[in-house]
Amino acid sequence: MKLELDLPDMDGRSATPVRYAGFWVRFATFVIDSLCVALFVSIPLFFVFGSGHWQMNIPLDGQLPSPEQARELLAQLRLIMAQVITEYAILLVLYAYCWVRYLGTPGKLVLGLQVVDARTLGPLSVKQSIIRYLGYFVSSLAGCLGFIWVGIDARKQGFHDMMAHSYVIYRRD
């Protein structure tokens, strides 16, 4: 079902037709973006950080680790955390830049979608972009209910969209 709604301009005079992007097209953009992230972020980081730290091969046999094993486990956990934090920080910068500059990530652009400010239908601010990205973590809670909500909400907003006051709409030409 395609939902179209006329939103008043800031001065309240004319209306701009807006078509909200639903769950499945947004899921497709997620798949495209995930492939881009894997190719251009995750795989390069894999080579930077190496792969050995993902294999915690310290047999404990139900016993407490020795001090040496504990130090090794801690070192491995630190490396894993460094990689995860680095990847999330890179993604925050990339996603925020794409939303502010291009109104969407590569997946959204390929499928003709835009991420816009809910009030102005213009680009998101940097603050909104950061809130939207952090909102992804909120949307992931409780079985990804915040993402599933896109299929339920009249304006097709996930929790992250509501937090950032954003819409995902079909490109207006």
N, C-alpha and C. Protein backbone atom coordinates (compact mmCIF):
# COMPACT_ATOMS: atom_id res chain seq x y z
N MET A 1 0.84 -1.17 0.00
CA MET A 1 0.00 0.00 0.00
C MET A 1 0.89 1.24 0.00
N LYS A 2 0.61 2.15 -0.91
CA LYS A 2 1.38 3.38 -1.00
C LYS A 2 0.63 4.48 -0.27
N LEU A 3 1.30 5.07 0.68
CA LEU A 3 0.70 6.14 1.46
C LEU A 3 1.24 7.46 0.97
N GLU A 4 0.36 8.35 0.55
CA GLU A 4 0.74 9.69 0.15
C GLU A 4 0.03 10.67 1.04
N LEU A 5 0.73 11.70 1.40
CA LEU A 5 0.17 12.70 2.29
C LEU A 5 0.64 14.06 1.85
N ASP A 6 -0.22 15.04 1.90
CA ASP A 6 0.16 16.41 1.60
C ASP A 6 0.55 17.09 2.89
N LEU A 7 1.79 17.56 2.93
CA LEU A 7 2.27 18.28 4.10
C LEU A 7 2.33 19.76 3.78
N PRO A 8 1.85 20.61 4.68
CA PRO A 8 1.93 22.04 4.42
C PRO A 8 3.37 22.53 4.48
N ASP A 9 3.68 23.51 3.63
CA ASP A 9 4.99 24.15 3.70
C ASP A 9 5.07 24.94 4.99
N MET A 10 6.25 25.44 5.29
CA MET A 10 6.47 26.17 6.54
C MET A 10 5.53 27.37 6.67
N ASP A 11 5.20 28.01 5.55
CA ASP A 11 4.31 29.17 5.63
C ASP A 11 2.84 28.77 5.62
N GLY A 12 2.57 27.48 5.44
CA GLY A 12 1.20 26.99 5.49
C GLY A 12 0.42 27.19 4.20
N ARG A 13 1.02 27.75 3.14
CA ARG A 13 0.30 28.04 1.90
C ARG A 13 0.08 26.79 1.06
N SER A 14 1.13 26.31 0.44
CA SER A 14 0.99 25.20 -0.50
C SER A 14 1.30 23.88 0.18
N ALA A 15 1.02 22.81 -0.52
CA ALA A 15 1.28 21.48 0.02
C ALA A 15 2.23 20.74 -0.91
N THR A 16 3.08 19.93 -0.33
CA THR A 16 4.03 19.12 -1.08
C THR A 16 3.63 17.66 -0.91
N PRO A 17 3.32 16.96 -2.01
CA PRO A 17 2.98 15.55 -1.86
C PRO A 17 4.21 14.74 -1.42
N VAL A 18 4.01 13.92 -0.42
CA VAL A 18 5.09 13.10 0.13
C VAL A 18 4.64 11.65 0.12
N ARG A 19 5.51 10.78 -0.35
CA ARG A 19 5.22 9.34 -0.33
C ARG A 19 6.24 8.68 0.58
N TYR A 20 5.77 8.14 1.68
CA TYR A 20 6.65 7.52 2.67
C TYR A 20 7.13 6.16 2.18
N ALA A 21 8.37 5.84 2.50
CA ALA A 21 8.94 4.55 2.12
C ALA A 21 8.61 3.52 3.20
N GLY A 22 8.07 2.41 2.77
CA GLY A 22 7.65 1.37 3.70
C GLY A 22 8.75 0.41 4.10
N PHE A 23 8.34 -0.60 4.83
CA PHE A 23 9.27 -1.55 5.44
C PHE A 23 10.13 -2.28 4.41
N TRP A 24 9.53 -2.87 3.38
CA TRP A 24 10.28 -3.75 2.49
C TRP A 24 11.30 -3.01 1.64
N VAL A 25 10.95 -1.84 1.14
CA VAL A 25 11.93 -1.09 0.35
C VAL A 25 13.07 -0.62 1.26
N ARG A 26 12.75 -0.28 2.48
CA ARG A 26 13.80 0.12 3.43
C ARG A 26 14.65 -1.08 3.84
N PHE A 27 14.04 -2.25 3.91
CA PHE A 27 14.82 -3.46 4.19
C PHE A 27 15.80 -3.72 3.04
N ALA A 28 15.35 -3.51 1.80
CA ALA A 28 16.23 -3.67 0.64
C ALA A 28 17.40 -2.69 0.71
N THR A 29 17.15 -1.46 1.16
CA THR A 29 18.24 -0.50 1.29
C THR A 29 19.22 -0.95 2.38
N PHE A 30 18.69 -1.57 3.42
CA PHE A 30 19.55 -2.11 4.48
C PHE A 30 20.49 -3.17 3.93
N VAL A 31 19.98 -4.04 3.07
CA VAL A 31 20.80 -5.10 2.48
C VAL A 31 21.91 -4.47 1.62
N ILE A 32 21.55 -3.50 0.79
CA ILE A 32 22.55 -2.83 -0.06
C ILE A 32 23.59 -2.13 0.80
N ASP A 33 23.14 -1.39 1.81
CA ASP A 33 24.07 -0.69 2.69
C ASP A 33 24.97 -1.66 3.45
N SER A 34 24.42 -2.79 3.87
CA SER A 34 25.21 -3.80 4.59
C SER A 34 26.32 -4.35 3.70
N LEU A 35 26.03 -4.57 2.43
CA LEU A 35 27.06 -5.03 1.50
C LEU A 35 28.15 -3.97 1.34
N CYS A 36 27.74 -2.71 1.23
CA CYS A 36 28.72 -1.61 1.12
C CYS A 36 29.58 -1.53 2.38
N VAL A 37 28.96 -1.67 3.54
CA VAL A 37 29.71 -1.61 4.80
C VAL A 37 30.70 -2.78 4.87
N ALA A 38 30.25 -3.96 4.48
CA ALA A 38 31.15 -5.12 4.51
C ALA A 38 32.35 -4.90 3.60
N LEU A 39 32.09 -4.42 2.39
CA LEU A 39 33.18 -4.24 1.42
C LEU A 39 34.13 -3.12 1.79
N PHE A 40 33.59 -2.00 2.25
CA PHE A 40 34.41 -0.80 2.41
C PHE A 40 34.78 -0.46 3.85
N VAL A 41 34.18 -1.14 4.82
CA VAL A 41 34.51 -0.85 6.22
C VAL A 41 34.96 -2.12 6.95
N SER A 42 34.10 -3.11 7.02
CA SER A 42 34.38 -4.30 7.83
C SER A 42 35.59 -5.08 7.33
N ILE A 43 35.65 -5.34 6.04
CA ILE A 43 36.78 -6.12 5.51
C ILE A 43 38.10 -5.37 5.67
N PRO A 44 38.17 -4.07 5.33
CA PRO A 44 39.43 -3.36 5.61
C PRO A 44 39.81 -3.37 7.09
N LEU A 45 38.84 -3.21 7.98
CA LEU A 45 39.15 -3.26 9.41
C LEU A 45 39.63 -4.65 9.83
N PHE A 46 39.10 -5.66 9.19
CA PHE A 46 39.54 -7.03 9.45
C PHE A 46 41.04 -7.15 9.19
N PHE A 47 41.51 -6.52 8.11
CA PHE A 47 42.94 -6.57 7.79
C PHE A 47 43.76 -5.69 8.74
N VAL A 48 43.17 -4.61 9.21
CA VAL A 48 43.88 -3.74 10.16
C VAL A 48 44.04 -4.42 11.51
N PHE A 49 42.95 -4.99 12.01
CA PHE A 49 42.96 -5.58 13.35
C PHE A 49 43.35 -7.06 13.35
N GLY A 50 43.27 -7.71 12.20
CA GLY A 50 43.57 -9.13 12.14
C GLY A 50 42.37 -9.97 12.53
N SER A 51 42.53 -11.27 12.41
CA SER A 51 41.40 -12.16 12.68
C SER A 51 41.58 -13.01 13.93
N GLY A 52 42.78 -13.12 14.41
CA GLY A 52 43.06 -14.03 15.52
C GLY A 52 42.30 -13.71 16.78
N HIS A 53 41.99 -12.44 17.01
CA HIS A 53 41.32 -12.08 18.26
C HIS A 53 39.87 -12.54 18.31
N TRP A 54 39.30 -12.93 17.18
CA TRP A 54 37.92 -13.42 17.20
C TRP A 54 37.87 -14.88 17.64
N GLN A 55 39.02 -15.52 17.75
CA GLN A 55 39.08 -16.92 18.16
C GLN A 55 39.70 -16.98 19.55
N MET A 56 38.89 -17.04 20.54
CA MET A 56 39.39 -17.10 21.92
C MET A 56 39.62 -18.56 22.28
N ASN A 57 40.80 -19.04 21.98
CA ASN A 57 41.14 -20.46 22.16
C ASN A 57 41.88 -20.68 23.47
N ILE A 58 41.23 -20.38 24.55
CA ILE A 58 41.83 -20.63 25.86
C ILE A 58 40.93 -21.64 26.57
N PRO A 59 41.35 -22.92 26.57
CA PRO A 59 40.51 -23.93 27.23
C PRO A 59 40.53 -23.73 28.74
N LEU A 60 39.35 -23.60 29.31
CA LEU A 60 39.26 -23.39 30.76
C LEU A 60 38.80 -24.64 31.49
N ASP A 61 38.21 -25.56 30.77
CA ASP A 61 37.75 -26.83 31.36
C ASP A 61 36.95 -26.62 32.63
N GLY A 62 36.10 -25.62 32.66
CA GLY A 62 35.24 -25.38 33.81
C GLY A 62 35.94 -24.78 35.00
N GLN A 63 37.19 -24.38 34.84
CA GLN A 63 37.94 -23.80 35.96
C GLN A 63 38.18 -22.32 35.70
N LEU A 64 38.54 -21.64 36.76
CA LEU A 64 38.90 -20.24 36.61
C LEU A 64 40.19 -20.13 35.80
N PRO A 65 40.32 -19.09 34.99
CA PRO A 65 41.55 -18.96 34.21
C PRO A 65 42.74 -18.62 35.10
N SER A 66 43.89 -19.05 34.66
CA SER A 66 45.12 -18.67 35.36
C SER A 66 45.35 -17.18 35.12
N PRO A 67 46.20 -16.54 35.90
CA PRO A 67 46.48 -15.12 35.67
C PRO A 67 46.95 -14.85 34.24
N GLU A 68 47.74 -15.75 33.69
CA GLU A 68 48.22 -15.56 32.31
C GLU A 68 47.06 -15.67 31.32
N GLN A 69 46.18 -16.66 31.51
CA GLN A 69 45.02 -16.81 30.64
C GLN A 69 44.09 -15.61 30.77
N ALA A 70 43.91 -15.12 31.98
CA ALA A 70 43.05 -13.95 32.20
C ALA A 70 43.60 -12.74 31.47
N ARG A 71 44.93 -12.54 31.52
CA ARG A 71 45.55 -11.42 30.80
C ARG A 71 45.34 -11.56 29.30
N GLU A 72 45.48 -12.78 28.79
CA GLU A 72 45.30 -13.02 27.36
C GLU A 72 43.84 -12.77 26.95
N LEU A 73 42.90 -13.26 27.75
CA LEU A 73 41.48 -13.01 27.48
C LEU A 73 41.18 -11.52 27.47
N LEU A 74 41.72 -10.81 28.44
CA LEU A 74 41.50 -9.36 28.53
C LEU A 74 42.08 -8.64 27.32
N ALA A 75 43.26 -9.06 26.88
CA ALA A 75 43.88 -8.45 25.70
C ALA A 75 43.03 -8.71 24.46
N GLN A 76 42.50 -9.92 24.33
CA GLN A 76 41.64 -10.24 23.19
C GLN A 76 40.36 -9.42 23.23
N LEU A 77 39.76 -9.30 24.41
CA LEU A 77 38.53 -8.51 24.55
C LEU A 77 38.78 -7.04 24.22
N ARG A 78 39.92 -6.51 24.64
CA ARG A 78 40.25 -5.11 24.32
C ARG A 78 40.36 -4.91 22.81
N LEU A 79 40.98 -5.85 22.13
CA LEU A 79 41.13 -5.76 20.68
C LEU A 79 39.77 -5.84 19.98
N ILE A 80 38.92 -6.74 20.45
CA ILE A 80 37.57 -6.85 19.88
C ILE A 80 36.82 -5.54 20.10
N MET A 81 36.88 -5.01 21.30
CA MET A 81 36.18 -3.74 21.60
C MET A 81 36.73 -2.60 20.76
N ALA A 82 38.04 -2.56 20.56
CA ALA A 82 38.64 -1.51 19.73
C ALA A 82 38.11 -1.59 18.30
N GLN A 83 38.00 -2.81 17.77
CA GLN A 83 37.50 -2.97 16.41
C GLN A 83 36.03 -2.57 16.33
N VAL A 84 35.23 -3.02 17.27
CA VAL A 84 33.80 -2.71 17.25
C VAL A 84 33.57 -1.20 17.39
N ILE A 85 34.24 -0.57 18.33
CA ILE A 85 34.09 0.87 18.53
C ILE A 85 34.57 1.64 17.31
N THR A 86 35.69 1.21 16.73
CA THR A 86 36.20 1.87 15.52
C THR A 86 35.19 1.76 14.39
N GLU A 87 34.63 0.57 14.19
CA GLU A 87 33.67 0.38 13.11
C GLU A 87 32.42 1.22 13.33
N TYR A 88 31.88 1.23 14.55
CA TYR A 88 30.69 2.04 14.82
C TYR A 88 30.97 3.53 14.65
N ALA A 89 32.15 3.98 15.04
CA ALA A 89 32.50 5.39 14.88
C ALA A 89 32.62 5.76 13.40
N ILE A 90 33.25 4.89 12.62
CA ILE A 90 33.35 5.14 11.17
C ILE A 90 31.96 5.18 10.55
N LEU A 91 31.11 4.24 10.93
CA LEU A 91 29.75 4.21 10.38
C LEU A 91 28.95 5.44 10.78
N LEU A 92 29.11 5.90 12.01
CA LEU A 92 28.43 7.12 12.44
C LEU A 92 28.81 8.29 11.53
N VAL A 93 30.09 8.46 11.30
CA VAL A 93 30.56 9.56 10.45
C VAL A 93 30.06 9.39 9.02
N LEU A 94 30.17 8.18 8.47
CA LEU A 94 29.74 7.94 7.09
C LEU A 94 28.23 8.13 6.92
N TYR A 95 27.44 7.53 7.80
CA TYR A 95 25.99 7.66 7.68
C TYR A 95 25.55 9.10 7.86
N ALA A 96 26.08 9.77 8.87
CA ALA A 96 25.69 11.16 9.10
C ALA A 96 26.06 12.02 7.90
N TYR A 97 27.24 11.81 7.35
CA TYR A 97 27.66 12.58 6.17
C TYR A 97 26.70 12.32 5.00
N CYS A 98 26.39 11.05 4.74
CA CYS A 98 25.48 10.71 3.64
C CYS A 98 24.10 11.32 3.84
N TRP A 99 23.57 11.26 5.06
CA TRP A 99 22.24 11.81 5.31
C TRP A 99 22.22 13.33 5.15
N VAL A 100 23.25 14.00 5.65
CA VAL A 100 23.29 15.47 5.57
C VAL A 100 23.58 15.92 4.15
N ARG A 101 24.55 15.30 3.50
CA ARG A 101 25.02 15.77 2.19
C ARG A 101 24.16 15.26 1.03
N TYR A 102 23.78 13.98 1.07
CA TYR A 102 23.09 13.36 -0.07
C TYR A 102 21.64 12.96 0.22
N LEU A 103 21.17 13.18 1.43
CA LEU A 103 19.82 12.79 1.85
C LEU A 103 19.63 11.28 1.87
N GLY A 104 20.70 10.53 1.94
CA GLY A 104 20.54 9.09 2.03
C GLY A 104 21.84 8.34 1.89
N THR A 105 21.83 7.11 2.36
CA THR A 105 22.96 6.21 2.21
C THR A 105 22.92 5.64 0.79
N PRO A 106 23.97 4.95 0.35
CA PRO A 106 23.97 4.41 -1.02
C PRO A 106 22.73 3.57 -1.34
N GLY A 107 22.31 2.72 -0.42
CA GLY A 107 21.13 1.89 -0.67
C GLY A 107 19.88 2.71 -0.90
N LYS A 108 19.69 3.73 -0.09
CA LYS A 108 18.51 4.58 -0.24
C LYS A 108 18.57 5.35 -1.56
N LEU A 109 19.74 5.85 -1.92
CA LEU A 109 19.87 6.60 -3.16
C LEU A 109 19.60 5.72 -4.38
N VAL A 110 20.12 4.49 -4.35
CA VAL A 110 19.92 3.56 -5.47
C VAL A 110 18.44 3.27 -5.67
N LEU A 111 17.70 3.16 -4.58
CA LEU A 111 16.27 2.83 -4.68
C LEU A 111 15.37 4.07 -4.68
N GLY A 112 15.96 5.24 -4.83
CA GLY A 112 15.17 6.46 -4.99
C GLY A 112 14.53 6.99 -3.73
N LEU A 113 15.17 6.77 -2.59
CA LEU A 113 14.63 7.25 -1.32
C LEU A 113 15.47 8.41 -0.79
N GLN A 114 14.87 9.19 0.09
CA GLN A 114 15.56 10.29 0.76
C GLN A 114 15.24 10.25 2.24
N VAL A 115 16.22 10.59 3.06
CA VAL A 115 16.02 10.77 4.49
C VAL A 115 15.94 12.27 4.71
N VAL A 116 14.78 12.74 5.21
CA VAL A 116 14.56 14.18 5.33
C VAL A 116 14.08 14.56 6.73
N ASP A 117 14.26 15.82 7.05
CA ASP A 117 13.74 16.40 8.28
C ASP A 117 12.21 16.36 8.21
N ALA A 118 11.58 15.88 9.25
CA ALA A 118 10.12 15.73 9.26
C ALA A 118 9.40 17.08 9.22
N ARG A 119 10.04 18.12 9.71
CA ARG A 119 9.39 19.44 9.74
C ARG A 119 9.53 20.20 8.43
N THR A 120 10.71 20.12 7.82
CA THR A 120 11.00 20.95 6.64
C THR A 120 11.08 20.17 5.35
N LEU A 121 11.18 18.86 5.42
CA LEU A 121 11.43 17.98 4.28
C LEU A 121 12.76 18.29 3.61
N GLY A 122 13.64 18.99 4.33
CA GLY A 122 14.98 19.28 3.84
C GLY A 122 15.98 18.31 4.46
N PRO A 123 17.26 18.59 4.25
CA PRO A 123 18.30 17.71 4.81
C PRO A 123 18.26 17.67 6.33
N LEU A 124 18.70 16.57 6.89
CA LEU A 124 18.84 16.47 8.33
C LEU A 124 20.00 17.34 8.78
N SER A 125 19.93 17.81 9.99
CA SER A 125 21.07 18.50 10.59
C SER A 125 22.06 17.43 11.07
N VAL A 126 23.27 17.85 11.39
CA VAL A 126 24.25 16.91 11.93
C VAL A 126 23.72 16.30 13.22
N LYS A 127 23.11 17.13 14.07
CA LYS A 127 22.56 16.63 15.33
C LYS A 127 21.49 15.56 15.08
N GLN A 128 20.58 15.83 14.14
CA GLN A 128 19.54 14.85 13.81
C GLN A 128 20.16 13.56 13.29
N SER A 129 21.20 13.69 12.48
CA SER A 129 21.86 12.51 11.92
C SER A 129 22.49 11.65 13.01
N ILE A 130 23.12 12.30 13.97
CA ILE A 130 23.73 11.56 15.08
C ILE A 130 22.65 10.87 15.90
N ILE A 131 21.58 11.58 16.19
CA ILE A 131 20.46 10.99 16.95
C ILE A 131 19.86 9.82 16.18
N ARG A 132 19.70 9.98 14.86
CA ARG A 132 19.13 8.92 14.04
C ARG A 132 20.02 7.67 14.08
N TYR A 133 21.33 7.86 13.96
CA TYR A 133 22.25 6.73 13.99
C TYR A 133 22.21 6.04 15.35
N LEU A 134 22.28 6.81 16.43
CA LEU A 134 22.21 6.22 17.77
C LEU A 134 20.86 5.55 17.99
N GLY A 135 19.82 6.08 17.34
CA GLY A 135 18.50 5.49 17.42
C GLY A 135 18.43 4.09 16.81
N TYR A 136 19.37 3.78 15.91
CA TYR A 136 19.42 2.42 15.37
C TYR A 136 19.60 1.40 16.50
N PHE A 137 20.38 1.75 17.50
CA PHE A 137 20.60 0.83 18.62
C PHE A 137 19.31 0.65 19.41
N VAL A 138 18.56 1.72 19.60
CA VAL A 138 17.26 1.65 20.27
C VAL A 138 16.30 0.79 19.44
N SER A 139 16.28 1.02 18.12
CA SER A 139 15.40 0.26 17.24
C SER A 139 15.73 -1.22 17.23
N SER A 140 16.97 -1.56 17.54
CA SER A 140 17.41 -2.96 17.54
C SER A 140 16.92 -3.74 18.76
N LEU A 141 16.53 -3.02 19.80
CA LEU A 141 16.10 -3.68 21.03
C LEU A 141 14.78 -4.42 20.82
N ALA A 142 14.51 -5.34 21.69
CA ALA A 142 13.25 -6.09 21.71
C ALA A 142 12.92 -6.67 20.33
N GLY A 143 13.86 -7.44 19.80
CA GLY A 143 13.59 -8.13 18.53
C GLY A 143 13.47 -7.20 17.34
N CYS A 144 14.20 -6.12 17.36
CA CYS A 144 14.20 -5.13 16.26
C CYS A 144 12.83 -4.48 16.07
N LEU A 145 12.08 -4.37 17.15
CA LEU A 145 10.74 -3.78 17.08
C LEU A 145 10.77 -2.38 16.48
N GLY A 146 11.81 -1.61 16.77
CA GLY A 146 11.90 -0.25 16.24
C GLY A 146 11.99 -0.20 14.73
N PHE A 147 12.56 -1.23 14.11
CA PHE A 147 12.61 -1.31 12.65
C PHE A 147 11.30 -1.87 12.11
N ILE A 148 10.77 -2.88 12.77
CA ILE A 148 9.49 -3.47 12.35
C ILE A 148 8.38 -2.42 12.39
N TRP A 149 8.50 -1.47 13.31
CA TRP A 149 7.50 -0.43 13.47
C TRP A 149 7.27 0.36 12.18
N VAL A 150 8.27 0.39 11.30
CA VAL A 150 8.13 1.08 10.00
C VAL A 150 6.94 0.51 9.25
N GLY A 151 6.70 -0.78 9.36
CA GLY A 151 5.58 -1.41 8.67
C GLY A 151 4.23 -1.16 9.32
N ILE A 152 4.22 -0.60 10.52
CA ILE A 152 2.99 -0.37 11.27
C ILE A 152 2.59 1.10 11.27
N ASP A 153 3.56 1.98 11.38
CA ASP A 153 3.33 3.41 11.55
C ASP A 153 2.76 4.05 10.28
N ALA A 154 1.82 4.97 10.44
CA ALA A 154 1.19 5.65 9.31
C ALA A 154 2.20 6.43 8.47
N ARG A 155 3.20 7.00 9.11
CA ARG A 155 4.22 7.76 8.38
C ARG A 155 5.48 6.94 8.13
N LYS A 156 5.37 5.64 8.38
CA LYS A 156 6.45 4.69 8.12
C LYS A 156 7.74 5.06 8.86
N GLN A 157 7.59 5.53 10.09
CA GLN A 157 8.74 5.89 10.90
C GLN A 157 9.12 4.76 11.85
N GLY A 158 10.41 4.44 11.88
CA GLY A 158 10.94 3.56 12.90
C GLY A 158 11.23 4.39 14.14
N PHE A 159 11.61 3.72 15.22
CA PHE A 159 11.91 4.47 16.45
C PHE A 159 13.03 5.48 16.22
N HIS A 160 14.03 5.10 15.41
CA HIS A 160 15.15 6.00 15.13
C HIS A 160 14.68 7.24 14.36
N ASP A 161 13.70 7.07 13.48
CA ASP A 161 13.13 8.21 12.75
C ASP A 161 12.38 9.14 13.70
N MET A 162 11.61 8.54 14.60
CA MET A 162 10.86 9.35 15.57
C MET A 162 11.80 10.13 16.47
N MET A 163 12.87 9.48 16.91
CA MET A 163 13.83 10.15 17.79
C MET A 163 14.49 11.34 17.09
N ALA A 164 14.78 11.20 15.80
CA ALA A 164 15.50 12.24 15.05
C ALA A 164 14.56 13.19 14.32
N HIS A 165 13.26 12.97 14.41
CA HIS A 165 12.29 13.78 13.66
C HIS A 165 12.61 13.73 12.17
N SER A 166 12.66 12.50 11.64
CA SER A 166 12.98 12.32 10.23
C SER A 166 11.95 11.41 9.57
N TYR A 167 11.85 11.55 8.26
CA TYR A 167 11.05 10.66 7.42
C TYR A 167 11.98 10.06 6.38
N VAL A 168 11.61 8.87 5.91
CA VAL A 168 12.23 8.31 4.71
C VAL A 168 11.13 8.33 3.66
N ILE A 169 11.39 9.08 2.59
CA ILE A 169 10.38 9.28 1.56
C ILE A 169 10.96 8.93 0.19
N TYR A 170 10.05 8.73 -0.76
CA TYR A 170 10.50 8.57 -2.14
C TYR A 170 10.95 9.93 -2.66
N ARG A 171 12.00 9.91 -3.45
CA ARG A 171 12.60 11.14 -3.96
C ARG A 171 11.54 11.97 -4.69
N ARG A 172 11.56 13.24 -4.38
CA ARG A 172 10.65 14.19 -5.03
C ARG A 172 11.43 14.91 -6.12
N ASP A 173 11.04 14.72 -7.37
CA ASP A 173 11.77 15.37 -8.47
C ASP A 173 11.12 16.65 -8.94
